[in-house]
Amino acid sequence: MNRPDGPAEDCCAVADPSKPVDPRIARHFDQRMRNAAALGEFPAMVEVSQGLLSLLDDVGVERPTLLELGCGSAALMVSLLERGAVSADGVDLSPGSIATARRRAEVAGVESKVDFVVGDGSVVPVEPHDWVVLDRVICCYGDLEALLANSIGAARKRYVFSVPLDSGWRGLVNRFWRAVENATNRLRGRPCPGYTHSIAKIQQRLRDAGFEPLRDRRIGLWYAAVFERS
């Protein structure tokens, strides 16, 4: 899923992984990929993703295998491959995003190092990888525990994520825009609620699984973090 990085991002949610994913979610992101293709360009890497990339500047030293859930058009993934990651697997709900991701990888010359699949990150079968990345994805899932359970279990060394800030005045701004966005989506008949989850809960879940914070930073209204297995 390809997500902008503003406070009221257009974020399509998967609230119950036991139910089939609403096809309108994929159609929405497919259309966004078509719009980008019509302009003859790939969707640009947004500020939050750029900030997350800066927290992973040792990728050339670590040379990890990557799994990115909700990879969108793979701007972050391809950048990590170009900087030294050994291989990468990407998962996204949108077939259009996956097709764009494949083209981006081909243009960058890293197509032999990647594999993509259309799927729901909270239930898709995943193999262990050195690093697991969820960039602006957690806010799209109503069932936080299902997504964390599936993704944390796949991380051998690092778990990398970005989420909207949930406390202080920035948390209030995010919740306000989220409420506006959700109300607008309901009026437009789109199944795209977004969620502002507890960062403390995510951090504790990671600690319970044996991870400790390595690096983090605030990027506007977002929080980006790298947790490493202790």
C-alpha atoms as a PDB file:
ATOM      1  CA  MET A   1       0.000   0.000   0.000  1.00  0.00           C
ATOM      2  CA  ASN A   2       1.440   3.340  -0.990  1.00  0.00           C
ATOM      3  CA  ARG A   3       0.766   5.895   1.703  1.00  0.00           C
ATOM      4  CA  PRO A   4       1.468   9.629   1.816  1.00  0.00           C
ATOM      5  CA  ASP A   5       3.087  10.921   5.010  1.00  0.00           C
ATOM      6  CA  GLY A   6       0.796  13.730   6.150  1.00  0.00           C
ATOM      7  CA  PRO A   7      -1.373  13.582   9.277  1.00  0.00           C
ATOM      8  CA  ALA A   8      -4.576  12.764   7.391  1.00  0.00           C
ATOM      9  CA  GLU A   9      -3.050  10.135   5.153  1.00  0.00           C
ATOM     10  CA  ASP A  10      -5.286   8.121   2.896  1.00  0.00           C
ATOM     11  CA  CYS A  11      -4.871   4.857   4.789  1.00  0.00           C
ATOM     12  CA  CYS A  12      -6.917   1.788   4.009  1.00  0.00           C
ATOM     13  CA  ALA A  13      -7.452  -0.537   6.933  1.00  0.00           C
ATOM     14  CA  VAL A  14      -7.682  -4.248   7.390  1.00  0.00           C
ATOM     15  CA  ALA A  15      -9.764  -4.500  10.531  1.00  0.00           C
ATOM     16  CA  ASP A  16     -10.367  -8.247  10.694  1.00  0.00           C
ATOM     17  CA  PRO A  17      -7.831 -10.563   9.050  1.00  0.00           C
ATOM     18  CA  SER A  18     -10.214 -13.507   9.400  1.00  0.00           C
ATOM     19  CA  LYS A  19     -12.459 -11.928   6.765  1.00  0.00           C
ATOM     20  CA  PRO A  20     -11.693 -11.499   3.062  1.00  0.00           C
ATOM     21  CA  VAL A  21     -10.019  -8.206   2.255  1.00  0.00           C
ATOM     22  CA  ASP A  22     -12.419  -5.696   0.708  1.00  0.00           C
ATOM     23  CA  PRO A  23     -11.431  -5.519  -2.993  1.00  0.00           C
ATOM     24  CA  ARG A  24     -12.077  -1.775  -3.021  1.00  0.00           C
ATOM     25  CA  ILE A  25      -8.912  -1.268  -0.942  1.00  0.00           C
ATOM     26  CA  ALA A  26      -6.711  -2.754  -3.648  1.00  0.00           C
ATOM     27  CA  ARG A  27      -8.657  -0.920  -6.358  1.00  0.00           C
ATOM     28  CA  HIS A  28      -8.000   2.387  -4.590  1.00  0.00           C
ATOM     29  CA  PHE A  29      -4.244   1.909  -4.522  1.00  0.00           C
ATOM     30  CA  ASP A  30      -4.263   0.413  -8.008  1.00  0.00           C
ATOM     31  CA  GLN A  31      -5.774   3.666  -9.259  1.00  0.00           C
ATOM     32  CA  ARG A  32      -3.075   5.670  -7.516  1.00  0.00           C
ATOM     33  CA  MET A  33      -0.440   3.610  -9.294  1.00  0.00           C
ATOM     34  CA  ARG A  34      -2.180   4.231 -12.629  1.00  0.00           C
ATOM     35  CA  ASN A  35      -2.203   7.962 -11.908  1.00  0.00           C
ATOM     36  CA  ALA A  36       1.540   7.901 -11.250  1.00  0.00           C
ATOM     37  CA  ALA A  37       2.166   5.832 -14.386  1.00  0.00           C
ATOM     38  CA  ALA A  38       0.176   8.322 -16.458  1.00  0.00           C
ATOM     39  CA  LEU A  39       2.675  10.971 -15.376  1.00  0.00           C
ATOM     40  CA  GLY A  40       5.524   8.701 -16.425  1.00  0.00           C
ATOM     41  CA  GLU A  41       7.054   8.464 -12.972  1.00  0.00           C
ATOM     42  CA  PHE A  42       7.302   6.296  -9.893  1.00  0.00           C
ATOM     43  CA  PRO A  43       5.735   7.531  -6.631  1.00  0.00           C
ATOM     44  CA  ALA A  44       8.435   9.460  -4.779  1.00  0.00           C
ATOM     45  CA  MET A  45       9.772   8.389  -1.398  1.00  0.00           C
ATOM     46  CA  VAL A  46       8.025  10.531   1.207  1.00  0.00           C
ATOM     47  CA  GLU A  47       9.703  12.304   4.129  1.00  0.00           C
ATOM     48  CA  VAL A  48       8.842   9.646   6.711  1.00  0.00           C
ATOM     49  CA  SER A  49      10.357   6.893   4.580  1.00  0.00           C
ATOM     50  CA  GLN A  50      13.435   9.011   3.970  1.00  0.00           C
ATOM     51  CA  GLY A  51      13.797   9.426   7.716  1.00  0.00           C
ATOM     52  CA  LEU A  52      13.429   5.707   8.266  1.00  0.00           C
ATOM     53  CA  LEU A  53      16.056   5.081   5.588  1.00  0.00           C
ATOM     54  CA  SER A  54      18.452   7.368   7.449  1.00  0.00           C
ATOM     55  CA  LEU A  55      18.055   5.184  10.552  1.00  0.00           C
ATOM     56  CA  LEU A  56      19.228   2.220   8.466  1.00  0.00           C
ATOM     57  CA  ASP A  57      22.433   3.758   7.153  1.00  0.00           C
ATOM     58  CA  ASP A  58      24.416   0.687   8.247  1.00  0.00           C
ATOM     59  CA  VAL A  59      22.627  -1.521   5.699  1.00  0.00           C
ATOM     60  CA  GLY A  60      25.821  -1.803   3.650  1.00  0.00           C
ATOM     61  CA  VAL A  61      27.679  -3.153   6.679  1.00  0.00           C
ATOM     62  CA  GLU A  62      24.925  -5.454   7.932  1.00  0.00           C
ATOM     63  CA  ARG A  63      23.929  -6.714   4.451  1.00  0.00           C
ATOM     64  CA  PRO A  64      20.577  -8.088   5.640  1.00  0.00           C
ATOM     65  CA  THR A  65      17.772  -9.970   3.980  1.00  0.00           C
ATOM     66  CA  LEU A  66      14.594  -7.866   4.036  1.00  0.00           C
ATOM     67  CA  LEU A  67      10.877  -8.454   4.385  1.00  0.00           C
ATOM     68  CA  GLU A  68       8.661  -5.418   3.864  1.00  0.00           C
ATOM     69  CA  LEU A  69       4.963  -5.766   4.623  1.00  0.00           C
ATOM     70  CA  GLY A  70       2.898  -3.099   2.904  1.00  0.00           C
ATOM     71  CA  CYS A  71       5.772  -2.342   0.537  1.00  0.00           C
ATOM     72  CA  GLY A  72       3.716  -0.160  -1.815  1.00  0.00           C
ATOM     73  CA  SER A  73       5.769   0.765  -4.875  1.00  0.00           C
ATOM     74  CA  ALA A  74       8.969  -0.343  -3.064  1.00  0.00           C
ATOM     75  CA  ALA A  75      10.773   3.010  -2.930  1.00  0.00           C
ATOM     76  CA  LEU A  76      12.270   2.205   0.485  1.00  0.00           C
ATOM     77  CA  MET A  77      13.019  -1.422  -0.349  1.00  0.00           C
ATOM     78  CA  VAL A  78      14.827  -0.628  -3.578  1.00  0.00           C
ATOM     79  CA  SER A  79      16.882   2.056  -1.841  1.00  0.00           C
ATOM     80  CA  LEU A  80      17.975  -0.449   0.801  1.00  0.00           C
ATOM     81  CA  LEU A  81      18.923  -2.954  -1.894  1.00  0.00           C
ATOM     82  CA  GLU A  82      20.939  -0.324  -3.724  1.00  0.00           C
ATOM     83  CA  ARG A  83      22.771   0.430  -0.479  1.00  0.00           C
ATOM     84  CA  GLY A  84      23.735  -3.129   0.342  1.00  0.00           C
ATOM     85  CA  ALA A  85      20.814  -5.351   1.368  1.00  0.00           C
ATOM     86  CA  VAL A  86      21.305  -8.882   0.023  1.00  0.00           C
ATOM     87  CA  SER A  87      17.718  -9.654  -0.986  1.00  0.00           C
ATOM     88  CA  ALA A  88      14.163  -8.562  -0.274  1.00  0.00           C
ATOM     89  CA  ASP A  89      10.602  -9.858  -0.260  1.00  0.00           C
ATOM     90  CA  GLY A  90       7.707  -7.423  -0.530  1.00  0.00           C
ATOM     91  CA  VAL A  91       4.024  -7.920   0.309  1.00  0.00           C
ATOM     92  CA  ASP A  92       1.166  -5.562  -0.505  1.00  0.00           C
ATOM     93  CA  LEU A  93      -2.612  -5.738  -0.883  1.00  0.00           C
ATOM     94  CA  SER A  94      -2.545  -3.836  -4.177  1.00  0.00           C
ATOM     95  CA  PRO A  95      -1.678  -5.688  -7.406  1.00  0.00           C
ATOM     96  CA  GLY A  96      -1.029  -2.326  -9.022  1.00  0.00           C
ATOM     97  CA  SER A  97       1.482  -1.407  -6.328  1.00  0.00           C
ATOM     98  CA  ILE A  98       3.224  -4.760  -6.720  1.00  0.00           C
ATOM     99  CA  ALA A  99       3.429  -4.288 -10.508  1.00  0.00           C
ATOM    100  CA  THR A 100       4.908  -0.828  -9.988  1.00  0.00           C
ATOM    101  CA  ALA A 101       7.353  -2.212  -7.431  1.00  0.00           C
ATOM    102  CA  ARG A 102       8.565  -4.805  -9.935  1.00  0.00           C
ATOM    103  CA  ARG A 103       9.125  -2.121 -12.567  1.00  0.00           C
ATOM    104  CA  ARG A 104      10.988   0.059 -10.063  1.00  0.00           C
ATOM    105  CA  ALA A 105      13.253  -2.867  -9.160  1.00  0.00           C
ATOM    106  CA  GLU A 106      13.941  -3.556 -12.845  1.00  0.00           C
ATOM    107  CA  VAL A 107      14.833   0.067 -13.562  1.00  0.00           C
ATOM    108  CA  ALA A 108      17.159   0.085 -10.538  1.00  0.00           C
ATOM    109  CA  GLY A 109      18.799  -3.151 -11.695  1.00  0.00           C
ATOM    110  CA  VAL A 110      17.959  -5.101  -8.542  1.00  0.00           C
ATOM    111  CA  GLU A 111      15.183  -7.298  -9.940  1.00  0.00           C
ATOM    112  CA  SER A 112      17.216 -10.476  -9.345  1.00  0.00           C
ATOM    113  CA  LYS A 113      17.295  -9.713  -5.616  1.00  0.00           C
ATOM    114  CA  VAL A 114      13.573  -9.200  -5.034  1.00  0.00           C
ATOM    115  CA  ASP A 115      10.366 -11.169  -4.897  1.00  0.00           C
ATOM    116  CA  PHE A 116       6.902  -9.677  -4.542  1.00  0.00           C
ATOM    117  CA  VAL A 117       3.523 -11.127  -3.614  1.00  0.00           C
ATOM    118  CA  VAL A 118       0.027  -9.702  -3.315  1.00  0.00           C
ATOM    119  CA  GLY A 119      -1.260 -10.386   0.183  1.00  0.00           C
ATOM    120  CA  ASP A 120      -2.410  -9.219   3.614  1.00  0.00           C
ATOM    121  CA  GLY A 121       0.550  -8.671   5.941  1.00  0.00           C
ATOM    122  CA  SER A 122      -1.339  -9.880   9.004  1.00  0.00           C
ATOM    123  CA  VAL A 123      -2.006 -13.362   7.629  1.00  0.00           C
ATOM    124  CA  VAL A 124       0.294 -14.004   4.657  1.00  0.00           C
ATOM    125  CA  PRO A 125       2.785 -16.819   5.354  1.00  0.00           C
ATOM    126  CA  VAL A 126       6.209 -15.281   5.954  1.00  0.00           C
ATOM    127  CA  GLU A 127       9.691 -16.767   6.199  1.00  0.00           C
ATOM    128  CA  PRO A 128      12.312 -15.466   8.655  1.00  0.00           C
ATOM    129  CA  HIS A 129      14.341 -12.485   7.412  1.00  0.00           C
ATOM    130  CA  ASP A 130      17.109 -10.476   9.037  1.00  0.00           C
ATOM    131  CA  TRP A 131      15.103  -7.250   8.976  1.00  0.00           C
ATOM    132  CA  VAL A 132      11.324  -6.831   8.869  1.00  0.00           C
ATOM    133  CA  VAL A 133      10.059  -3.408   7.789  1.00  0.00           C
ATOM    134  CA  LEU A 134       6.595  -1.862   8.211  1.00  0.00           C
ATOM    135  CA  ASP A 135       6.726   1.717   6.953  1.00  0.00           C
ATOM    136  CA  ARG A 136       3.446   3.631   7.502  1.00  0.00           C
ATOM    137  CA  VAL A 137       1.559   0.333   7.566  1.00  0.00           C
ATOM    138  CA  ILE A 138       0.605  -0.358  11.192  1.00  0.00           C
ATOM    139  CA  CYS A 139      -1.828   2.579  11.136  1.00  0.00           C
ATOM    140  CA  CYS A 140      -3.762   0.798   8.383  1.00  0.00           C
ATOM    141  CA  TYR A 141      -4.654  -2.234  10.532  1.00  0.00           C
ATOM    142  CA  GLY A 142      -7.455  -2.388  13.065  1.00  0.00           C
ATOM    143  CA  ASP A 143      -6.221  -5.701  14.448  1.00  0.00           C
ATOM    144  CA  LEU A 144      -2.829  -4.578  15.695  1.00  0.00           C
ATOM    145  CA  GLU A 145      -2.046  -7.816  17.500  1.00  0.00           C
ATOM    146  CA  ALA A 146      -2.558  -9.982  14.409  1.00  0.00           C
ATOM    147  CA  LEU A 147      -0.197  -7.821  12.364  1.00  0.00           C
ATOM    148  CA  LEU A 148       2.463  -7.728  15.095  1.00  0.00           C
ATOM    149  CA  ALA A 149       2.236 -11.464  15.720  1.00  0.00           C
ATOM    150  CA  ASN A 150       2.745 -12.306  12.063  1.00  0.00           C
ATOM    151  CA  SER A 151       5.499  -9.775  11.443  1.00  0.00           C
ATOM    152  CA  ILE A 152       7.544  -9.905  14.659  1.00  0.00           C
ATOM    153  CA  GLY A 153       7.870 -13.653  14.351  1.00  0.00           C
ATOM    154  CA  ALA A 154       9.600 -13.204  10.998  1.00  0.00           C
ATOM    155  CA  ALA A 155      12.307 -10.829  12.281  1.00  0.00           C
ATOM    156  CA  ARG A 156      15.622 -12.499  13.104  1.00  0.00           C
ATOM    157  CA  LYS A 157      17.617  -9.358  13.895  1.00  0.00           C
ATOM    158  CA  ARG A 158      15.686  -6.113  13.463  1.00  0.00           C
ATOM    159  CA  TYR A 159      12.138  -4.836  13.401  1.00  0.00           C
ATOM    160  CA  VAL A 160      11.739  -1.476  11.663  1.00  0.00           C
ATOM    161  CA  PHE A 161       8.549   0.597  11.654  1.00  0.00           C
ATOM    162  CA  SER A 162       6.957   4.021  11.444  1.00  0.00           C
ATOM    163  CA  VAL A 163       3.619   5.038  12.953  1.00  0.00           C
ATOM    164  CA  PRO A 164       1.726   8.257  13.695  1.00  0.00           C
ATOM    165  CA  LEU A 165       2.605   9.769  17.074  1.00  0.00           C
ATOM    166  CA  ASP A 166      -0.092   9.036  19.631  1.00  0.00           C
ATOM    167  CA  SER A 167       0.739  11.343  22.568  1.00  0.00           C
ATOM    168  CA  GLY A 168       1.176  15.045  23.288  1.00  0.00           C
ATOM    169  CA  TRP A 169      -0.103  17.720  20.955  1.00  0.00           C
ATOM    170  CA  ARG A 170       1.087  15.758  17.913  1.00  0.00           C
ATOM    171  CA  GLY A 171      -1.020  12.811  19.018  1.00  0.00           C
ATOM    172  CA  LEU A 172      -4.021  15.099  19.359  1.00  0.00           C
ATOM    173  CA  VAL A 173      -3.449  16.460  15.854  1.00  0.00           C
ATOM    174  CA  ASN A 174      -3.163  12.939  14.447  1.00  0.00           C
ATOM    175  CA  ARG A 175      -6.361  11.809  16.159  1.00  0.00           C
ATOM    176  CA  PHE A 176      -8.204  14.887  14.914  1.00  0.00           C
ATOM    177  CA  TRP A 177      -7.137  14.361  11.315  1.00  0.00           C
ATOM    178  CA  ARG A 178      -7.811  10.652  11.597  1.00  0.00           C
ATOM    179  CA  ALA A 179     -11.388  11.364  12.716  1.00  0.00           C
ATOM    180  CA  VAL A 180     -11.860  13.798   9.823  1.00  0.00           C
ATOM    181  CA  GLU A 181     -10.377  11.339   7.345  1.00  0.00           C
ATOM    182  CA  ASN A 182     -12.511   8.451   8.578  1.00  0.00           C
ATOM    183  CA  ALA A 183     -15.691  10.526   8.449  1.00  0.00           C
ATOM    184  CA  THR A 184     -14.853  11.671   4.922  1.00  0.00           C
ATOM    185  CA  ASN A 185     -14.190   8.128   3.788  1.00  0.00           C
ATOM    186  CA  ARG A 186     -17.508   6.937   5.203  1.00  0.00           C
ATOM    187  CA  LEU A 187     -19.335   9.657   3.286  1.00  0.00           C
ATOM    188  CA  ARG A 188     -17.472   8.674   0.107  1.00  0.00           C
ATOM    189  CA  GLY A 189     -18.252   4.998   0.640  1.00  0.00           C
ATOM    190  CA  ARG A 190     -14.628   3.946   0.891  1.00  0.00           C
ATOM    191  CA  PRO A 191     -13.488   1.189   3.293  1.00  0.00           C
ATOM    192  CA  CYS A 192     -10.426   3.066   4.482  1.00  0.00           C
ATOM    193  CA  PRO A 193     -10.450   3.786   8.218  1.00  0.00           C
ATOM    194  CA  GLY A 194      -7.073   4.625   9.752  1.00  0.00           C
ATOM    195  CA  TYR A 195      -5.877   3.990  13.304  1.00  0.00           C
ATOM    196  CA  THR A 196      -3.618   5.770  15.778  1.00  0.00           C
ATOM    197  CA  HIS A 197      -2.240   2.857  17.795  1.00  0.00           C
ATOM    198  CA  SER A 198      -0.368   3.033  21.088  1.00  0.00           C
ATOM    199  CA  ILE A 199       3.362   3.259  20.439  1.00  0.00           C
ATOM    200  CA  ALA A 200       4.020   2.083  24.004  1.00  0.00           C
ATOM    201  CA  LYS A 201       2.042  -1.082  23.265  1.00  0.00           C
ATOM    202  CA  ILE A 202       4.054  -1.757  20.100  1.00  0.00           C
ATOM    203  CA  GLN A 203       7.313  -1.179  21.968  1.00  0.00           C
ATOM    204  CA  GLN A 204       6.294  -3.486  24.797  1.00  0.00           C
ATOM    205  CA  ARG A 205       5.231  -6.183  22.365  1.00  0.00           C
ATOM    206  CA  LEU A 206       8.672  -5.984  20.781  1.00  0.00           C
ATOM    207  CA  ARG A 207      10.426  -6.125  24.144  1.00  0.00           C
ATOM    208  CA  ASP A 208       8.383  -9.165  25.084  1.00  0.00           C
ATOM    209  CA  ALA A 209       9.697 -10.812  21.908  1.00  0.00           C
ATOM    210  CA  GLY A 210      13.320 -10.034  22.806  1.00  0.00           C
ATOM    211  CA  PHE A 211      13.893  -6.760  20.957  1.00  0.00           C
ATOM    212  CA  GLU A 212      15.294  -3.513  22.347  1.00  0.00           C
ATOM    213  CA  PRO A 213      15.303  -0.023  20.782  1.00  0.00           C
ATOM    214  CA  LEU A 214      18.412   0.695  18.732  1.00  0.00           C
ATOM    215  CA  ARG A 215      17.522   4.003  17.065  1.00  0.00           C
ATOM    216  CA  ASP A 216      14.438   6.173  16.788  1.00  0.00           C
ATOM    217  CA  ARG A 217      13.384   9.662  15.805  1.00  0.00           C
ATOM    218  CA  ARG A 218      10.351  11.862  15.456  1.00  0.00           C
ATOM    219  CA  ILE A 219       9.603  12.964  11.889  1.00  0.00           C
ATOM    220  CA  GLY A 220       6.919  15.624  11.922  1.00  0.00           C
ATOM    221  CA  LEU A 221       3.798  13.892  13.227  1.00  0.00           C
ATOM    222  CA  TRP A 222       5.355  10.445  12.881  1.00  0.00           C
ATOM    223  CA  TYR A 223       7.586   8.168  14.950  1.00  0.00           C
ATOM    224  CA  ALA A 224      10.191   5.977  13.256  1.00  0.00           C
ATOM    225  CA  ALA A 225      12.105   3.277  15.110  1.00  0.00           C
ATOM    226  CA  VAL A 226      14.571   0.448  14.714  1.00  0.00           C
ATOM    227  CA  PHE A 227      14.419  -2.361  17.295  1.00  0.00           C
ATOM    228  CA  GLU A 228      17.136  -4.981  17.451  1.00  0.00           C
ATOM    229  CA  ARG A 229      17.036  -8.445  18.943  1.00  0.00           C
ATOM    230  CA  SER A 230      19.027  -8.401  22.159  1.00  0.00           C
END
